[in-house]
Amino acid sequence: MTMTMADETDFDPMGQFMGSEVRDPYPEFARRRREQPVGVTQVFDMETFELLDAVALYTFADVDRMFRDNETFSSAPIRELMSPIMGPYVMVGLDEPEHKRHRNLVSQAFRQKSLAHWETDYVESAINELIDAFVDRGHAELVRELTFRYPVQVIAKILGIPPEEHDEFHGHAIAIVQIADNPERGIAASVAMREYLQGIVDARRAHPGDDVISDLVTTEVDGEMLDDEEIFSFLRLLLPAGAETTYRATGNLLYALLTHPDQLAAVRDDRSLIPAAIEEAIRWETPLLITSRRALVDTSFGDVEVKAGTQIVPMIGSANHDEARWDDAETFDLFRTPKPHISFATGVHMCLGMHLARMEMRSALNVVFDRLPGLRLDPERATVDDVHIHGEQFRSPTSLPVLWG
């Protein structure tokens, strides 16, 4: 069975998420940390379709505490928001003990041996194939021509999607990721994706291969295995978790280096600095700025009382700019003293795919440096395009016009 091709030209790689027009949320985050570190905000309720009052957390200490306390704070709001499109078993929205069971089963597919194989056989090849299309031109726009495209190509490869169906897979992946643009199209794409994946799941059960779906259908932990709906929920979650945030994080990393030429030169000359550049870029411009929890019992943050049932919005982007944790936190500086950021969360819900994301970003930077010598922003196009990072929930560059050679 093949999927019906979604027209990729209909989609804006930047997405039209709520708040996508916001250019710089950090001054407001800083004001909130000073004046109201635990504040009131509003969230959309999927059952009543109304805006409900919620509590927003702006400091690193409060966000970190919330992530680590899965007994006081439930991930149910994420499941409620995402299940119509991702299915009923959205792992990031599950609480214990369900979450632990799912994580133990799916984590087998992300072992270090697999990551090493994916980097050589899938990630580097996907990046090189895209660069092949423009390397002789001497100029490119890296968001649309590279960073937006390669993470979905990687997901397709590690799932075992046949190469001739990658474009179709990408079209549906975009529709699912950008469901806010067109809910009807996103839901239709989710249904089509499930129907398509059913055939692959059935084939891998009969004849397992060397891919993630084979791992998911054959892995057994303490006598338990994932059923089809659990597998489909996880596979659909891979699209926003494994593609959306990675393309934005890679774009943010390139933007940070291209707009700081001295640090770009340092990393290009000394590739051992790449991991530090990745961590600083993820802290400085976090691709996903917010998430959600719900208080299960009465609790408090400082002198602010929070009743059971209240939704909590941890402002990850604000936490990553907390001046109580980092000196000169608003500045991109890969040479700063390393301190763990909170972009991948902490506690039991720490991002399962964080090692894959880091590996993809590292590979992208290495291949770009190898194949595009003298890479730099195109000053004329950067001015015309008003190149910058924007977004209130998801953040990434508007464009990355570059020259090389």
Protein backbone atom coordinates (compact mmCIF):
# COMPACT_ATOMS: atom_id res chain seq x y z
CA MET A 1 0.00 0.00 0.00
CA THR A 2 1.27 3.49 -0.83
CA MET A 3 0.29 6.83 0.60
CA THR A 4 -1.42 9.53 -1.42
CA MET A 5 1.10 12.29 -2.00
CA ALA A 6 0.55 15.47 -0.01
CA ASP A 7 1.52 18.59 -1.93
CA GLU A 8 4.60 19.85 -0.12
CA THR A 9 4.34 23.22 -1.85
CA ASP A 10 1.24 23.91 0.26
CA PHE A 11 3.27 23.95 3.45
CA ASP A 12 5.27 26.69 5.11
CA PRO A 13 8.40 25.16 6.68
CA MET A 14 8.24 27.77 9.41
CA GLY A 15 4.74 26.72 10.46
CA GLN A 16 1.95 28.98 11.61
CA PHE A 17 1.83 27.93 15.24
CA MET A 18 0.24 30.29 17.71
CA GLY A 19 2.76 33.01 18.46
CA SER A 20 4.93 32.17 15.45
CA GLU A 21 5.18 35.90 14.64
CA VAL A 22 6.92 36.64 17.96
CA ARG A 23 10.48 37.73 17.26
CA ASP A 24 12.03 38.02 20.70
CA PRO A 25 10.22 36.67 23.78
CA TYR A 26 13.29 36.93 26.02
CA PRO A 27 12.87 40.50 27.35
CA GLU A 28 9.40 39.56 28.57
CA PHE A 29 10.74 36.32 30.04
CA ALA A 30 13.39 38.34 31.91
CA ARG A 31 10.76 40.74 33.24
CA ARG A 32 8.66 37.83 34.44
CA ARG A 33 11.60 36.20 36.22
CA ARG A 34 12.22 39.50 38.04
CA GLU A 35 8.66 40.51 38.82
CA GLN A 36 6.41 37.44 38.64
CA PRO A 37 8.37 34.19 38.33
CA VAL A 38 5.17 32.22 38.96
CA GLY A 39 2.45 33.87 36.92
CA VAL A 40 -0.99 33.42 35.41
CA THR A 41 -1.42 32.41 31.78
CA GLN A 42 -4.12 30.69 29.72
CA VAL A 43 -4.26 27.36 27.92
CA PHE A 44 -6.68 25.90 25.39
CA ASP A 45 -8.87 23.11 26.76
CA MET A 46 -9.39 20.35 24.17
CA GLU A 47 -12.63 19.14 25.78
CA THR A 48 -14.45 22.45 26.28
CA PHE A 49 -12.65 24.41 23.52
CA GLU A 50 -12.25 27.28 25.95
CA LEU A 51 -9.29 29.15 27.40
CA LEU A 52 -8.56 28.15 30.98
CA ASP A 53 -6.42 29.86 33.57
CA ALA A 54 -3.09 28.16 34.19
CA VAL A 55 0.14 28.77 36.10
CA ALA A 56 3.33 29.62 34.21
CA LEU A 57 6.81 28.92 35.61
CA TYR A 58 9.71 31.11 34.45
CA THR A 59 12.79 30.18 36.53
CA PHE A 60 15.15 27.28 36.01
CA ALA A 61 14.68 26.03 39.58
CA ASP A 62 10.88 25.87 39.34
CA VAL A 63 10.82 24.25 35.89
CA ASP A 64 13.45 21.72 36.94
CA ARG A 65 11.52 20.88 40.12
CA MET A 66 8.30 20.34 38.15
CA PHE A 67 9.97 18.04 35.61
CA ARG A 68 11.52 15.90 38.34
CA ASP A 69 8.32 15.48 40.38
CA ASN A 70 6.11 13.13 38.40
CA GLU A 71 4.04 12.27 41.48
CA THR A 72 2.78 15.84 41.98
CA PHE A 73 2.58 16.79 38.29
CA SER A 74 0.88 14.75 35.58
CA SER A 75 1.69 14.77 31.85
CA ALA A 76 -1.98 14.17 30.97
CA PRO A 77 -2.47 17.58 29.27
CA ILE A 78 0.05 16.57 26.60
CA ARG A 79 -1.82 13.33 25.96
CA GLU A 80 -5.14 15.15 25.77
CA LEU A 81 -3.73 17.65 23.28
CA MET A 82 -1.89 15.18 21.07
CA SER A 83 -3.95 11.98 21.15
CA PRO A 84 -6.44 13.05 18.43
CA ILE A 85 -3.58 13.15 15.96
CA MET A 86 -0.98 10.83 17.53
CA GLY A 87 -3.22 8.13 18.97
CA PRO A 88 -4.09 7.15 22.55
CA TYR A 89 -0.61 6.11 23.71
CA VAL A 90 1.44 9.29 23.36
CA MET A 91 4.46 8.37 25.47
CA VAL A 92 5.34 11.95 26.47
CA GLY A 93 1.81 12.27 27.85
CA LEU A 94 1.79 9.07 29.88
CA ASP A 95 2.26 8.89 33.66
CA GLU A 96 3.80 6.08 35.68
CA PRO A 97 3.64 3.13 35.53
CA GLU A 98 2.40 3.23 31.91
CA HIS A 99 5.16 5.60 30.89
CA LYS A 100 7.92 3.39 32.28
CA ARG A 101 6.54 0.33 30.46
CA HIS A 102 6.38 2.12 27.12
CA ARG A 103 9.78 3.74 27.54
CA ASN A 104 11.45 0.44 28.42
CA LEU A 105 10.00 -1.18 25.32
CA VAL A 106 10.73 1.55 22.78
CA SER A 107 14.14 2.51 24.20
CA GLN A 108 15.58 -0.72 22.81
CA ALA A 109 15.35 0.83 19.36
CA PHE A 110 17.56 3.79 20.40
CA ARG A 111 20.55 1.92 21.80
CA GLN A 112 24.03 3.26 21.09
CA LYS A 113 24.78 0.53 18.54
CA SER A 114 21.79 1.67 16.49
CA LEU A 115 22.81 5.35 16.68
CA ALA A 116 26.28 4.57 15.32
CA HIS A 117 24.77 2.62 12.43
CA TRP A 118 22.21 5.36 11.70
CA GLU A 119 24.85 8.08 11.62
CA THR A 120 26.93 6.34 8.99
CA ASP A 121 24.21 4.78 6.87
CA TYR A 122 21.27 7.17 7.21
CA VAL A 123 22.09 10.60 8.62
CA GLU A 124 25.22 11.44 6.66
CA SER A 125 23.74 10.05 3.45
CA ALA A 126 20.54 12.08 3.85
CA ILE A 127 22.50 15.30 4.40
CA ASN A 128 24.86 14.60 1.50
CA GLU A 129 21.99 13.81 -0.87
CA LEU A 130 20.40 17.19 -0.15
CA ILE A 131 23.68 19.10 -0.44
CA ASP A 132 24.36 17.38 -3.77
CA ALA A 133 21.46 19.35 -5.23
CA PHE A 134 23.02 22.76 -4.57
CA VAL A 135 26.71 22.34 -3.78
CA ASP A 136 27.88 23.50 -7.23
CA ARG A 137 25.71 26.62 -7.10
CA GLY A 138 27.79 28.51 -4.52
CA HIS A 139 24.74 29.76 -2.64
CA ALA A 140 21.67 28.26 -0.97
CA GLU A 141 18.90 28.90 1.52
CA LEU A 142 19.64 26.27 4.13
CA VAL A 143 16.28 26.19 5.93
CA ARG A 144 14.21 25.07 2.94
CA GLU A 145 17.00 23.23 1.15
CA LEU A 146 18.61 21.40 4.08
CA THR A 147 17.57 21.76 7.72
CA PHE A 148 13.83 21.44 7.08
CA ARG A 149 14.23 18.34 4.94
CA TYR A 150 16.93 16.08 6.31
CA PRO A 151 15.48 15.07 9.74
CA VAL A 152 12.32 13.66 8.14
CA GLN A 153 14.50 11.86 5.59
CA VAL A 154 16.39 10.34 8.52
CA ILE A 155 13.19 9.23 10.26
CA ALA A 156 11.99 7.64 7.01
CA LYS A 157 15.28 5.77 6.65
CA ILE A 158 15.40 4.44 10.22
CA LEU A 159 11.77 3.30 9.94
CA GLY A 160 12.60 1.36 6.80
CA ILE A 161 10.40 3.42 4.45
CA PRO A 162 11.40 2.54 0.85
CA PRO A 163 13.40 5.39 -0.79
CA GLU A 164 10.85 5.83 -3.57
CA GLU A 165 8.22 6.65 -0.93
CA HIS A 166 10.26 9.20 1.08
CA ASP A 167 8.65 12.21 -0.61
CA GLU A 168 5.17 10.88 0.11
CA PHE A 169 6.14 10.16 3.71
CA HIS A 170 7.56 13.68 4.03
CA GLY A 171 4.35 15.25 2.75
CA HIS A 172 2.23 13.47 5.34
CA ALA A 173 4.80 14.12 8.05
CA ILE A 174 4.58 17.86 7.37
CA ALA A 175 0.78 17.76 7.51
CA ILE A 176 0.87 15.96 10.87
CA VAL A 177 3.53 18.24 12.36
CA GLN A 178 1.78 21.39 11.14
CA ILE A 179 -1.76 20.36 12.03
CA ALA A 180 -2.37 23.85 13.44
CA ASP A 181 -2.22 25.17 9.86
CA ASN A 182 -4.95 22.85 8.62
CA PRO A 183 -6.52 20.46 11.19
CA GLU A 184 -8.59 18.59 8.61
CA ARG A 185 -5.56 17.90 6.45
CA GLY A 186 -3.47 16.92 9.48
CA ILE A 187 -6.01 14.40 10.75
CA ALA A 188 -6.40 12.93 7.25
CA ALA A 189 -2.62 12.58 7.02
CA SER A 190 -2.52 10.87 10.41
CA VAL A 191 -5.12 8.33 9.27
CA ALA A 192 -3.26 7.75 5.99
CA MET A 193 0.01 7.35 7.86
CA ARG A 194 -1.47 4.74 10.17
CA GLU A 195 -2.91 2.77 7.26
CA TYR A 196 0.43 2.91 5.48
CA LEU A 197 2.40 1.88 8.55
CA GLN A 198 0.08 -1.08 9.18
CA GLY A 199 1.47 -2.79 6.12
CA ILE A 200 5.05 -2.23 7.24
CA VAL A 201 4.31 -3.41 10.80
CA ASP A 202 2.69 -6.61 9.47
CA ALA A 203 5.64 -7.23 7.13
CA ARG A 204 8.21 -6.70 9.92
CA ARG A 205 6.37 -9.08 12.24
CA ALA A 206 6.59 -11.75 9.56
CA HIS A 207 10.15 -10.92 8.50
CA PRO A 208 12.01 -8.64 10.96
CA GLY A 209 14.74 -6.43 9.53
CA ASP A 210 17.33 -3.95 10.77
CA ASP A 211 15.07 -0.96 11.45
CA VAL A 212 13.11 0.70 14.25
CA ILE A 213 9.77 -0.87 13.35
CA SER A 214 11.33 -4.34 13.51
CA ASP A 215 12.68 -3.51 16.95
CA LEU A 216 9.30 -2.25 18.12
CA VAL A 217 7.35 -5.32 16.95
CA THR A 218 9.84 -7.85 18.34
CA THR A 219 11.06 -6.29 21.62
CA GLU A 220 9.87 -7.98 24.78
CA VAL A 221 10.47 -6.74 28.32
CA ASP A 222 9.30 -8.81 31.31
CA GLY A 223 7.03 -10.82 29.05
CA GLU A 224 5.31 -7.77 27.56
CA MET A 225 5.27 -6.44 24.01
CA LEU A 226 3.74 -3.37 22.37
CA ASP A 227 0.42 -3.79 20.59
CA ASP A 228 -0.33 -2.15 17.24
CA GLU A 229 -1.96 1.02 18.61
CA GLU A 230 0.96 1.58 20.98
CA ILE A 231 3.39 1.18 18.08
CA PHE A 232 1.43 3.56 15.84
CA SER A 233 1.24 6.20 18.57
CA PHE A 234 5.00 6.05 19.04
CA LEU A 235 5.75 6.15 15.31
CA ARG A 236 3.56 9.21 14.79
CA LEU A 237 5.19 10.86 17.80
CA LEU A 238 8.56 10.46 16.08
CA LEU A 239 7.53 13.12 13.56
CA PRO A 240 7.27 16.14 15.90
CA ALA A 241 9.74 14.73 18.42
CA GLY A 242 12.29 13.45 15.93
CA ALA A 243 11.89 15.79 12.98
CA GLU A 244 10.25 19.08 13.94
CA THR A 245 12.48 19.94 16.89
CA THR A 246 15.64 18.64 15.19
CA TYR A 247 15.19 20.77 12.09
CA ARG A 248 14.58 23.83 14.25
CA ALA A 249 17.52 23.06 16.55
CA THR A 250 19.87 22.57 13.59
CA GLY A 251 18.71 25.85 12.07
CA ASN A 252 19.24 27.63 15.37
CA LEU A 253 22.76 26.18 15.64
CA LEU A 254 23.68 27.34 12.13
CA TYR A 255 22.14 30.76 12.76
CA ALA A 256 24.09 31.14 16.01
CA LEU A 257 27.40 30.34 14.33
CA LEU A 258 26.74 32.31 11.15
CA THR A 259 25.89 35.41 13.17
CA HIS A 260 28.96 34.95 15.39
CA PRO A 261 31.76 34.59 12.80
CA ASP A 262 34.52 34.33 15.39
CA GLN A 263 32.85 31.30 16.99
CA LEU A 264 32.05 29.87 13.53
CA ALA A 265 35.75 30.06 12.65
CA ALA A 266 36.75 28.46 15.95
CA VAL A 267 34.42 25.49 15.45
CA ARG A 268 35.38 25.07 11.81
CA ASP A 269 39.06 24.96 12.80
CA ASP A 270 38.53 22.72 15.82
CA ARG A 271 35.72 20.20 15.38
CA SER A 272 36.08 19.09 19.01
CA LEU A 273 34.14 22.28 19.85
CA ILE A 274 31.03 21.03 18.04
CA PRO A 275 29.41 19.38 21.11
CA ALA A 276 29.81 22.60 23.11
CA ALA A 277 28.34 24.61 20.24
CA ILE A 278 25.35 22.26 20.07
CA GLU A 279 24.61 22.46 23.80
CA GLU A 280 24.95 26.24 23.85
CA ALA A 281 22.73 26.65 20.79
CA ILE A 282 20.03 24.42 22.30
CA ARG A 283 20.18 26.48 25.50
CA TRP A 284 20.36 29.89 23.81
CA GLU A 285 17.58 29.25 21.29
CA THR A 286 15.54 26.30 22.52
CA PRO A 287 13.48 24.87 19.64
CA LEU A 288 10.45 24.12 21.88
CA LEU A 289 9.91 26.82 24.49
CA ILE A 290 6.97 25.41 26.46
CA THR A 291 5.24 22.20 27.46
CA SER A 292 2.48 21.32 29.93
CA ARG A 293 1.67 19.49 33.16
CA ARG A 294 -1.26 19.30 35.60
CA ALA A 295 -1.09 19.42 39.39
CA LEU A 296 -2.46 16.21 40.89
CA VAL A 297 -2.55 17.57 44.45
CA ASP A 298 -2.49 20.97 46.09
CA THR A 299 1.04 22.34 45.96
CA SER A 300 2.91 25.63 45.81
CA PHE A 301 5.79 27.44 44.13
CA GLY A 302 7.27 29.93 46.55
CA ASP A 303 4.33 31.81 48.05
CA VAL A 304 1.99 30.96 45.14
CA GLU A 305 -0.58 28.28 45.99
CA VAL A 306 -1.55 25.89 43.20
CA LYS A 307 -4.74 23.86 43.52
CA ALA A 308 -5.08 20.27 42.35
CA GLY A 309 -6.29 20.18 38.76
CA THR A 310 -4.49 23.39 37.76
CA GLN A 311 -2.56 23.23 34.51
CA ILE A 312 1.12 24.18 34.74
CA VAL A 313 3.06 25.69 31.84
CA PRO A 314 6.85 25.42 32.29
CA MET A 315 8.54 28.13 30.21
CA ILE A 316 11.60 26.17 29.08
CA GLY A 317 12.98 29.04 27.03
CA SER A 318 12.85 31.35 30.03
CA ALA A 319 14.43 28.73 32.30
CA ASN A 320 17.31 28.38 29.84
CA HIS A 321 17.98 32.13 30.07
CA ASP A 322 17.81 32.33 33.86
CA GLU A 323 20.51 34.76 35.03
CA ALA A 324 20.55 32.98 38.39
CA ARG A 325 22.11 30.00 36.61
CA TRP A 326 24.10 31.50 33.72
CA ASP A 327 26.16 34.69 33.53
CA ASP A 328 25.21 36.82 30.53
CA ALA A 329 22.54 34.25 29.69
CA GLU A 330 21.16 36.21 26.72
CA THR A 331 24.44 35.82 24.83
CA PHE A 332 25.48 32.88 22.63
CA ASP A 333 28.87 31.78 23.92
CA LEU A 334 30.06 28.24 23.24
CA PHE A 335 33.08 28.88 25.47
CA ARG A 336 31.04 29.47 28.64
CA THR A 337 31.45 27.12 31.61
CA PRO A 338 29.16 24.18 30.82
CA LYS A 339 26.02 23.74 32.89
CA PRO A 340 23.17 21.40 31.92
CA HIS A 341 20.28 23.17 30.21
CA ILE A 342 16.70 21.98 30.43
CA SER A 343 15.77 21.77 26.73
CA PHE A 344 15.41 17.98 26.86
CA ALA A 345 13.56 18.14 30.22
CA THR A 346 14.74 16.26 33.29
CA GLY A 347 13.38 13.38 35.32
CA VAL A 348 11.52 10.38 33.93
CA HIS A 349 10.39 12.28 30.83
CA MET A 350 13.87 13.35 29.75
CA CYS A 351 13.80 13.20 25.95
CA LEU A 352 14.35 9.68 24.66
CA GLY A 353 15.61 11.01 21.32
CA MET A 354 18.11 13.55 22.66
CA HIS A 355 21.15 11.48 21.64
CA LEU A 356 19.74 11.08 18.13
CA ALA A 357 19.10 14.84 17.91
CA ARG A 358 22.63 15.67 19.03
CA MET A 359 24.08 13.16 16.59
CA GLU A 360 22.05 14.58 13.69
CA MET A 361 23.13 18.13 14.53
CA ARG A 362 26.78 17.08 14.83
CA SER A 363 26.66 15.23 11.52
CA ALA A 364 24.95 18.13 9.77
CA LEU A 365 27.61 20.58 10.94
CA ASN A 366 30.48 18.30 9.99
CA VAL A 367 29.12 17.61 6.50
CA VAL A 368 28.33 21.30 5.94
CA PHE A 369 31.87 22.29 6.95
CA ASP A 370 33.38 19.58 4.75
CA ARG A 371 31.35 20.35 1.65
CA LEU A 372 30.72 24.09 1.87
CA PRO A 373 34.14 25.63 2.62
CA GLY A 374 34.10 29.25 3.65
CA LEU A 375 30.42 29.06 4.63
CA ARG A 376 29.02 32.47 5.57
CA LEU A 377 25.78 34.40 5.57
CA ASP A 378 24.90 36.04 2.27
CA PRO A 379 24.82 39.67 3.52
CA GLU A 380 22.60 40.96 0.74
CA ARG A 381 20.00 38.20 1.01
CA ALA A 382 20.14 38.24 4.82
CA THR A 383 19.20 41.92 4.78
CA VAL A 384 16.45 41.50 2.19
CA ASP A 385 15.02 38.45 3.99
CA ASP A 386 15.42 40.06 7.43
CA VAL A 387 16.96 36.85 8.74
CA HIS A 388 16.17 36.20 12.38
CA ILE A 389 14.83 33.53 14.72
CA HIS A 390 11.18 33.78 15.63
CA GLY A 391 8.38 31.97 17.45
CA GLU A 392 6.77 31.90 20.89
CA GLN A 393 6.25 28.13 21.16
CA PHE A 394 8.58 26.76 18.48
CA ARG A 395 11.64 28.79 17.47
CA SER A 396 13.82 28.61 14.37
CA PRO A 397 15.26 30.90 11.68
CA THR A 398 13.07 32.45 9.03
CA SER A 399 15.77 31.62 6.46
CA LEU A 400 19.50 31.01 6.20
CA PRO A 401 20.82 32.43 2.92
CA VAL A 402 24.48 31.47 2.65
CA LEU A 403 27.49 31.65 0.36
CA TRP A 404 30.62 29.48 0.27
CA GLY A 405 33.80 29.11 -1.69
